Amino acid sequence: MHTILAVDDSPSMRKMVSFTLTGAGYQVVEAVDGMDALEKAEAQHVDLVLADQNMPRLDGIGLTRRLREHPRFKNTPILILTTESSDQMKQAGKAAGATGWLVKPFDPNRLIEVLQKVIR
């Protein structure tokens, strides 16, 4: 079973993502912001990180940069799931090492489809 680290400062969004992913057979670890996500990612194995962009303490792009500094997360898929849809923001995500960019509100079936494509 693949483990996904779902990072979002909104409790309702974390619940929605978690519900969608557990329903598709994934194990989900929730984090409330980028710093919390870093701690959780270092403490256990995760197969994919799904992170919001706009969060307190450490945003999604900052989290992506920090994870990519660790050899362990060099090839871990990192998807940014956010309301941000500007090309400039997407480019910043790509430059930081994000695998993909998904815009909220998300379609649960599309989210699962994307995960299945990028998870190893």
C-alpha atoms as a PDB file:
ATOM      1  CA  MET A   1       0.000   0.000   0.000  1.00  0.00           C
ATOM      2  CA  HIS A   2       1.392   3.397  -0.988  1.00  0.00           C
ATOM      3  CA  THR A   3       1.625   6.152   1.614  1.00  0.00           C
ATOM      4  CA  ILE A   4       0.746   9.710   0.667  1.00  0.00           C
ATOM      5  CA  LEU A   5       1.631  12.755   2.726  1.00  0.00           C
ATOM      6  CA  ALA A   6      -1.290  15.205   2.371  1.00  0.00           C
ATOM      7  CA  VAL A   7      -0.310  18.731   3.405  1.00  0.00           C
ATOM      8  CA  ASP A   8      -2.882  21.505   3.764  1.00  0.00           C
ATOM      9  CA  ASP A   9      -3.601  24.111   6.439  1.00  0.00           C
ATOM     10  CA  SER A  10      -7.352  23.709   5.853  1.00  0.00           C
ATOM     11  CA  PRO A  11      -8.804  20.882   7.998  1.00  0.00           C
ATOM     12  CA  SER A  12     -11.753  20.440   5.612  1.00  0.00           C
ATOM     13  CA  MET A  13      -9.450  20.141   2.576  1.00  0.00           C
ATOM     14  CA  ARG A  14      -7.242  17.608   4.403  1.00  0.00           C
ATOM     15  CA  LYS A  15     -10.361  15.580   5.233  1.00  0.00           C
ATOM     16  CA  MET A  16     -11.595  15.680   1.637  1.00  0.00           C
ATOM     17  CA  VAL A  17      -8.211  14.657   0.219  1.00  0.00           C
ATOM     18  CA  SER A  18      -7.766  11.970   2.873  1.00  0.00           C
ATOM     19  CA  PHE A  19     -11.257  10.569   2.229  1.00  0.00           C
ATOM     20  CA  THR A  20     -10.602  10.438  -1.534  1.00  0.00           C
ATOM     21  CA  LEU A  21      -7.202   8.771  -1.160  1.00  0.00           C
ATOM     22  CA  THR A  22      -8.112   6.216   1.511  1.00  0.00           C
ATOM     23  CA  GLY A  23     -11.164   5.297  -0.581  1.00  0.00           C
ATOM     24  CA  ALA A  24      -8.766   4.526  -3.452  1.00  0.00           C
ATOM     25  CA  GLY A  25      -6.642   2.278  -1.238  1.00  0.00           C
ATOM     26  CA  TYR A  26      -3.860   4.660  -0.212  1.00  0.00           C
ATOM     27  CA  GLN A  27      -2.571   5.174   3.301  1.00  0.00           C
ATOM     28  CA  VAL A  28      -2.644   8.885   4.179  1.00  0.00           C
ATOM     29  CA  VAL A  29      -0.503  10.865   6.600  1.00  0.00           C
ATOM     30  CA  GLU A  30      -1.816  14.385   7.187  1.00  0.00           C
ATOM     31  CA  ALA A  31       0.269  17.487   7.884  1.00  0.00           C
ATOM     32  CA  VAL A  32      -1.007  20.970   8.751  1.00  0.00           C
ATOM     33  CA  ASP A  33       1.760  22.960   6.992  1.00  0.00           C
ATOM     34  CA  GLY A  34       5.149  22.607   5.344  1.00  0.00           C
ATOM     35  CA  MET A  35       7.145  22.385   8.581  1.00  0.00           C
ATOM     36  CA  ASP A  36       4.833  19.678   9.951  1.00  0.00           C
ATOM     37  CA  ALA A  37       5.172  17.871   6.603  1.00  0.00           C
ATOM     38  CA  LEU A  38       8.985  17.953   6.756  1.00  0.00           C
ATOM     39  CA  GLU A  39       8.955  16.379  10.214  1.00  0.00           C
ATOM     40  CA  LYS A  40       6.492  13.676   9.160  1.00  0.00           C
ATOM     41  CA  ALA A  41       8.312  12.941   5.886  1.00  0.00           C
ATOM     42  CA  GLU A  42      11.591  12.474   7.749  1.00  0.00           C
ATOM     43  CA  ALA A  43       9.975  10.216  10.362  1.00  0.00           C
ATOM     44  CA  GLN A  44       8.434   7.694   7.957  1.00  0.00           C
ATOM     45  CA  HIS A  45       8.427   6.449   4.392  1.00  0.00           C
ATOM     46  CA  VAL A  46       6.157   8.345   1.984  1.00  0.00           C
ATOM     47  CA  ASP A  47       5.608   7.453  -1.673  1.00  0.00           C
ATOM     48  CA  LEU A  48       4.166  10.805  -2.724  1.00  0.00           C
ATOM     49  CA  VAL A  49       3.676  14.291  -1.286  1.00  0.00           C
ATOM     50  CA  LEU A  50       0.502  16.218  -2.105  1.00  0.00           C
ATOM     51  CA  ALA A  51       0.872  19.781  -0.818  1.00  0.00           C
ATOM     52  CA  ASP A  52      -1.089  23.008  -0.808  1.00  0.00           C
ATOM     53  CA  GLN A  53       0.851  26.110  -1.899  1.00  0.00           C
ATOM     54  CA  ASN A  54      -0.409  28.798   0.491  1.00  0.00           C
ATOM     55  CA  MET A  55       0.297  27.695   4.078  1.00  0.00           C
ATOM     56  CA  PRO A  56       1.754  29.283   7.207  1.00  0.00           C
ATOM     57  CA  ARG A  57       5.355  28.523   8.306  1.00  0.00           C
ATOM     58  CA  LEU A  58       6.388  26.893   5.002  1.00  0.00           C
ATOM     59  CA  ASP A  59       4.479  26.989   1.693  1.00  0.00           C
ATOM     60  CA  GLY A  60       4.245  24.203  -0.891  1.00  0.00           C
ATOM     61  CA  ILE A  61       7.090  25.459  -3.086  1.00  0.00           C
ATOM     62  CA  GLY A  62       9.330  25.946  -0.029  1.00  0.00           C
ATOM     63  CA  LEU A  63       8.445  22.431   1.145  1.00  0.00           C
ATOM     64  CA  THR A  64       9.263  21.049  -2.310  1.00  0.00           C
ATOM     65  CA  ARG A  65      12.674  22.774  -2.283  1.00  0.00           C
ATOM     66  CA  ARG A  66      13.478  21.476   1.212  1.00  0.00           C
ATOM     67  CA  LEU A  67      12.430  17.904   0.359  1.00  0.00           C
ATOM     68  CA  ARG A  68      14.471  17.912  -2.860  1.00  0.00           C
ATOM     69  CA  GLU A  69      17.588  18.781  -0.784  1.00  0.00           C
ATOM     70  CA  HIS A  70      17.331  15.316   0.831  1.00  0.00           C
ATOM     71  CA  PRO A  71      18.695  12.448  -1.305  1.00  0.00           C
ATOM     72  CA  ARG A  72      15.807  10.325   0.030  1.00  0.00           C
ATOM     73  CA  PHE A  73      13.224  12.580  -1.656  1.00  0.00           C
ATOM     74  CA  LYS A  74      15.132  13.199  -4.887  1.00  0.00           C
ATOM     75  CA  ASN A  75      12.736  10.987  -6.865  1.00  0.00           C
ATOM     76  CA  THR A  76       9.616  11.151  -4.679  1.00  0.00           C
ATOM     77  CA  PRO A  77       6.701  12.598  -6.659  1.00  0.00           C
ATOM     78  CA  ILE A  78       5.576  15.953  -5.233  1.00  0.00           C
ATOM     79  CA  LEU A  79       2.273  17.387  -6.441  1.00  0.00           C
ATOM     80  CA  ILE A  80       1.089  20.890  -5.563  1.00  0.00           C
ATOM     81  CA  LEU A  81      -2.700  21.031  -5.070  1.00  0.00           C
ATOM     82  CA  THR A  82      -3.728  24.678  -4.818  1.00  0.00           C
ATOM     83  CA  THR A  83      -6.093  27.460  -5.866  1.00  0.00           C
ATOM     84  CA  GLU A  84      -3.079  29.172  -7.516  1.00  0.00           C
ATOM     85  CA  SER A  85      -3.209  28.742 -11.273  1.00  0.00           C
ATOM     86  CA  SER A  86      -0.879  31.395 -12.713  1.00  0.00           C
ATOM     87  CA  ASP A  87       1.822  30.215 -15.112  1.00  0.00           C
ATOM     88  CA  GLN A  88       4.384  32.125 -13.044  1.00  0.00           C
ATOM     89  CA  MET A  89       3.452  30.132  -9.925  1.00  0.00           C
ATOM     90  CA  LYS A  90       3.485  26.839 -11.862  1.00  0.00           C
ATOM     91  CA  GLN A  91       6.953  27.665 -13.211  1.00  0.00           C
ATOM     92  CA  ALA A  92       8.177  28.410  -9.672  1.00  0.00           C
ATOM     93  CA  GLY A  93       6.811  25.022  -8.589  1.00  0.00           C
ATOM     94  CA  LYS A  94       8.535  23.260 -11.456  1.00  0.00           C
ATOM     95  CA  ALA A  95      11.807  25.087 -10.736  1.00  0.00           C
ATOM     96  CA  ALA A  96      11.582  23.957  -7.096  1.00  0.00           C
ATOM     97  CA  GLY A  97      11.215  20.341  -8.236  1.00  0.00           C
ATOM     98  CA  ALA A  98       7.456  19.751  -8.167  1.00  0.00           C
ATOM     99  CA  THR A  99       6.343  16.793 -10.286  1.00  0.00           C
ATOM    100  CA  GLY A 100       2.967  18.340 -11.094  1.00  0.00           C
ATOM    101  CA  TRP A 101       0.459  21.107 -10.357  1.00  0.00           C
ATOM    102  CA  LEU A 102      -3.241  20.505  -9.689  1.00  0.00           C
ATOM    103  CA  VAL A 103      -5.807  23.268  -9.210  1.00  0.00           C
ATOM    104  CA  LYS A 104      -8.518  23.257  -6.523  1.00  0.00           C
ATOM    105  CA  PRO A 105     -11.314  22.436  -6.415  1.00  0.00           C
ATOM    106  CA  PHE A 106     -10.092  19.011  -7.461  1.00  0.00           C
ATOM    107  CA  ASP A 107     -11.976  16.236  -9.216  1.00  0.00           C
ATOM    108  CA  PRO A 108     -11.464  13.111  -7.038  1.00  0.00           C
ATOM    109  CA  ASN A 109     -11.261  10.779 -10.064  1.00  0.00           C
ATOM    110  CA  ARG A 110      -8.727  13.027 -11.802  1.00  0.00           C
ATOM    111  CA  LEU A 111      -6.635  13.226  -8.613  1.00  0.00           C
ATOM    112  CA  ILE A 112      -6.482   9.413  -8.361  1.00  0.00           C
ATOM    113  CA  GLU A 113      -5.644   9.191 -12.077  1.00  0.00           C
ATOM    114  CA  VAL A 114      -2.713  11.595 -11.687  1.00  0.00           C
ATOM    115  CA  LEU A 115      -1.452   9.773  -8.581  1.00  0.00           C
ATOM    116  CA  GLN A 116      -1.500   6.441 -10.377  1.00  0.00           C
ATOM    117  CA  LYS A 117       0.572   7.937 -13.202  1.00  0.00           C
ATOM    118  CA  VAL A 118       3.303   9.425 -11.014  1.00  0.00           C
ATOM    119  CA  ILE A 119       3.564   7.000  -8.095  1.00  0.00           C
ATOM    120  CA  ARG A 120       6.134   4.222  -8.454  1.00  0.00           C
END
